[in-house]
Amino acid sequence: MSNGSRVEASLTARNVTVSFGERFQASAQFDSVFKQGMALVERTAAYLEGPGRAESKRLAAPTNVLYASESMRLTTRLLDMASWLLIRRALKEGDISENEAQKKRKGVTLQSPARASHVNGYADLPEGLRTLIDESYALQDRIVQLDRAMSIKVDEVAKSGEPIRANPVGMQIDRLRVAFGQ
């Protein structure tokens, strides 16, 4: 068997498309994102019920209205992210099927219309609320990226007729292994 034939045989055996979603969902990284999200929900609730409530009473009327609307937007955003995380965890643990997860996922909105920092008077909001808002957007950005990556299924790519692209780095490593007899 020539080196070229061995490379092709090796590539054929190794070129298996892996689902990022399945891999990530089963990883410790998912558990970390889950814990981070739930901790942010808890910190936000504690802030809004405690120090945030006291701080909002000291705000001028226009800023107080902004505080109320931004805290509602924050709460809604966090509830959507928590829902997404809980759906993914239930799927990971086998509590729901992929079809059930897809149905539940349709009711979750991960995109917000605009960043709060662009709102007039945002800088007048208490630092505690602004910090939670900023953290929620950072987590939301990460979850949106994960959701996009996790929603692409290997089967769908194969059925779409689109060619499955080989990993060029993996191909080069395979060629090196064959060339050096490993």
Protein backbone atom coordinates (compact mmCIF):
# COMPACT_ATOMS: atom_id res chain seq x y z
CA MET A 1 0.00 0.00 0.00
CA SER A 2 1.44 3.36 -1.00
CA ASN A 3 1.73 6.33 1.36
CA GLY A 4 -1.06 8.09 -0.53
CA SER A 5 -3.41 5.12 -0.08
CA ARG A 6 -2.56 4.91 3.60
CA VAL A 7 -3.26 8.63 4.01
CA GLU A 8 -6.65 8.28 2.31
CA ALA A 9 -7.54 5.20 4.42
CA SER A 10 -6.47 7.01 7.58
CA LEU A 11 -8.43 10.12 6.63
CA THR A 12 -11.54 8.12 5.83
CA ALA A 13 -11.37 6.38 9.20
CA ARG A 14 -10.76 9.61 11.10
CA ASN A 15 -13.08 12.01 9.28
CA VAL A 16 -16.07 11.63 11.53
CA THR A 17 -18.04 14.78 12.20
CA VAL A 18 -18.54 15.35 15.90
CA SER A 19 -21.49 17.26 17.31
CA PHE A 20 -20.22 20.22 19.29
CA GLY A 21 -23.55 20.42 21.12
CA GLU A 22 -23.44 16.86 22.39
CA ARG A 23 -19.81 17.19 23.39
CA PHE A 24 -20.23 20.54 25.12
CA GLN A 25 -23.43 19.58 26.89
CA ALA A 26 -21.68 16.57 28.43
CA SER A 27 -18.62 18.58 29.49
CA ALA A 28 -17.48 20.21 32.70
CA GLN A 29 -17.51 23.50 30.78
CA PHE A 30 -21.29 23.27 30.43
CA ASP A 31 -21.54 22.64 34.17
CA SER A 32 -19.43 25.75 34.73
CA VAL A 33 -21.66 27.91 32.50
CA PHE A 34 -24.72 26.45 34.24
CA LYS A 35 -23.36 27.31 37.70
CA GLN A 36 -22.31 30.77 36.54
CA GLY A 37 -25.79 31.45 35.17
CA MET A 38 -27.63 30.23 38.24
CA ALA A 39 -25.28 32.16 40.53
CA LEU A 40 -25.98 35.34 38.56
CA VAL A 41 -29.73 34.75 38.93
CA GLU A 42 -29.31 34.35 42.71
CA ARG A 43 -27.05 37.40 43.06
CA THR A 44 -29.48 39.50 41.04
CA ALA A 45 -32.45 38.42 43.14
CA ALA A 46 -30.55 39.16 46.34
CA TYR A 47 -29.50 42.59 45.04
CA LEU A 48 -32.94 43.60 43.80
CA GLU A 49 -34.60 42.52 47.06
CA GLY A 50 -31.96 44.10 49.30
CA PRO A 51 -29.48 46.83 48.42
CA GLY A 52 -31.09 47.55 45.06
CA ARG A 53 -34.44 48.28 46.62
CA ALA A 54 -32.85 50.72 49.07
CA GLU A 55 -30.78 52.38 46.31
CA SER A 56 -33.79 52.79 44.02
CA LYS A 57 -35.67 54.74 46.71
CA ARG A 58 -32.92 57.36 46.74
CA LEU A 59 -33.00 57.95 42.97
CA ALA A 60 -34.58 60.95 41.26
CA ALA A 61 -37.91 60.22 39.56
CA PRO A 62 -36.68 59.82 35.95
CA THR A 63 -33.79 57.60 37.06
CA ASN A 64 -36.13 55.59 39.28
CA VAL A 65 -38.31 54.82 36.25
CA LEU A 66 -35.20 53.79 34.32
CA TYR A 67 -34.13 51.62 37.28
CA ALA A 68 -37.50 49.86 37.25
CA SER A 69 -37.45 49.22 33.50
CA GLU A 70 -33.83 48.06 33.43
CA SER A 71 -34.31 45.76 36.42
CA MET A 72 -37.33 44.22 34.64
CA ARG A 73 -35.30 43.77 31.44
CA LEU A 74 -32.48 42.21 33.49
CA THR A 75 -34.87 39.83 35.23
CA THR A 76 -36.47 38.80 31.92
CA ARG A 77 -33.07 38.24 30.31
CA LEU A 78 -31.91 36.13 33.25
CA LEU A 79 -35.10 34.06 33.25
CA ASP A 80 -34.64 33.28 29.56
CA MET A 81 -31.01 32.29 30.10
CA ALA A 82 -31.92 30.17 33.13
CA SER A 83 -34.63 28.46 31.07
CA TRP A 84 -32.12 27.69 28.32
CA LEU A 85 -29.63 26.31 30.85
CA LEU A 86 -32.29 24.19 32.57
CA ILE A 87 -33.52 22.78 29.24
CA ARG A 88 -29.96 21.88 28.26
CA ARG A 89 -29.28 20.29 31.64
CA ALA A 90 -32.51 18.26 31.48
CA LEU A 91 -31.51 17.06 28.02
CA LYS A 92 -28.01 16.21 29.25
CA GLU A 93 -29.38 14.18 32.15
CA GLY A 94 -31.90 12.37 29.95
CA ASP A 95 -34.92 13.91 31.67
CA ILE A 96 -36.33 15.13 28.34
CA SER A 97 -35.94 14.08 24.72
CA GLU A 98 -34.35 16.15 21.96
CA ASN A 99 -37.83 16.85 20.55
CA GLU A 100 -39.11 18.05 23.93
CA ALA A 101 -36.04 20.25 24.31
CA GLN A 102 -36.62 21.81 20.88
CA LYS A 103 -40.26 22.55 21.72
CA LYS A 104 -39.31 24.14 25.05
CA ARG A 105 -36.45 26.07 23.43
CA LYS A 106 -38.88 27.81 21.06
CA GLY A 107 -40.34 29.68 24.03
CA VAL A 108 -36.96 31.05 25.12
CA THR A 109 -35.77 34.40 23.78
CA LEU A 110 -32.03 34.90 24.00
CA GLN A 111 -31.66 38.14 22.09
CA SER A 112 -32.38 41.51 23.64
CA PRO A 113 -33.24 44.51 21.48
CA ALA A 114 -30.41 46.77 22.69
CA ARG A 115 -27.75 47.17 25.33
CA ALA A 116 -28.82 49.17 28.36
CA SER A 117 -25.59 51.21 28.32
CA HIS A 118 -26.94 53.04 25.24
CA VAL A 119 -29.94 54.31 27.20
CA ASN A 120 -29.99 57.92 28.31
CA GLY A 121 -29.33 58.10 32.08
CA TYR A 122 -27.75 54.64 32.30
CA ALA A 123 -24.69 56.08 34.06
CA ASP A 124 -27.00 57.45 36.79
CA LEU A 125 -28.16 53.94 37.77
CA PRO A 126 -26.57 52.42 40.87
CA GLU A 127 -23.28 50.63 40.20
CA GLY A 128 -24.66 47.36 41.58
CA LEU A 129 -27.41 47.25 38.97
CA ARG A 130 -25.07 48.28 36.15
CA THR A 131 -22.62 45.52 37.12
CA LEU A 132 -25.36 42.89 37.08
CA ILE A 133 -26.64 44.16 33.72
CA ASP A 134 -23.13 44.02 32.23
CA GLU A 135 -22.55 40.51 33.59
CA SER A 136 -25.90 39.37 32.24
CA TYR A 137 -25.06 40.62 28.74
CA ALA A 138 -21.67 38.90 28.84
CA LEU A 139 -23.30 35.63 29.85
CA GLN A 140 -26.06 36.12 27.28
CA ASP A 141 -23.49 36.62 24.52
CA ARG A 142 -21.80 33.37 25.51
CA ILE A 143 -25.08 31.46 25.69
CA VAL A 144 -26.21 32.80 22.30
CA GLN A 145 -22.94 31.58 20.76
CA LEU A 146 -23.32 28.20 22.43
CA ASP A 147 -26.95 27.95 21.35
CA ARG A 148 -26.00 28.59 17.73
CA ALA A 149 -23.18 26.06 17.85
CA MET A 150 -25.25 23.48 19.71
CA SER A 151 -28.24 23.80 17.40
CA ILE A 152 -26.26 22.49 14.41
CA LYS A 153 -26.76 18.75 14.30
CA VAL A 154 -24.42 16.38 12.50
CA ASP A 155 -27.41 14.62 10.89
CA GLU A 156 -28.79 17.92 9.58
CA VAL A 157 -25.46 18.81 7.99
CA ALA A 158 -25.31 15.42 6.30
CA LYS A 159 -28.95 15.68 5.09
CA SER A 160 -28.53 19.24 3.83
CA GLY A 161 -26.36 18.07 0.97
CA GLU A 162 -23.65 20.50 2.03
CA PRO A 163 -20.26 18.84 1.91
CA ILE A 164 -18.88 18.07 5.35
CA ARG A 165 -15.56 19.83 5.42
CA ALA A 166 -12.63 17.93 6.79
CA ASN A 167 -10.57 19.45 9.54
CA PRO A 168 -7.42 20.68 7.77
CA VAL A 169 -5.32 20.44 10.92
CA GLY A 170 -6.48 16.87 11.51
CA MET A 171 -5.67 16.01 7.91
CA GLN A 172 -2.13 17.35 8.25
CA ILE A 173 -1.61 15.43 11.50
CA ASP A 174 -2.84 12.26 9.78
CA ARG A 175 -0.42 12.80 6.90
CA LEU A 176 2.46 13.30 9.33
CA ARG A 177 1.54 10.11 11.20
CA VAL A 178 1.50 8.11 7.97
CA ALA A 179 4.74 9.69 6.75
CA PHE A 180 6.52 8.83 9.99
CA GLY A 181 4.96 5.39 10.25
CA GLN A 182 2.78 5.98 13.30
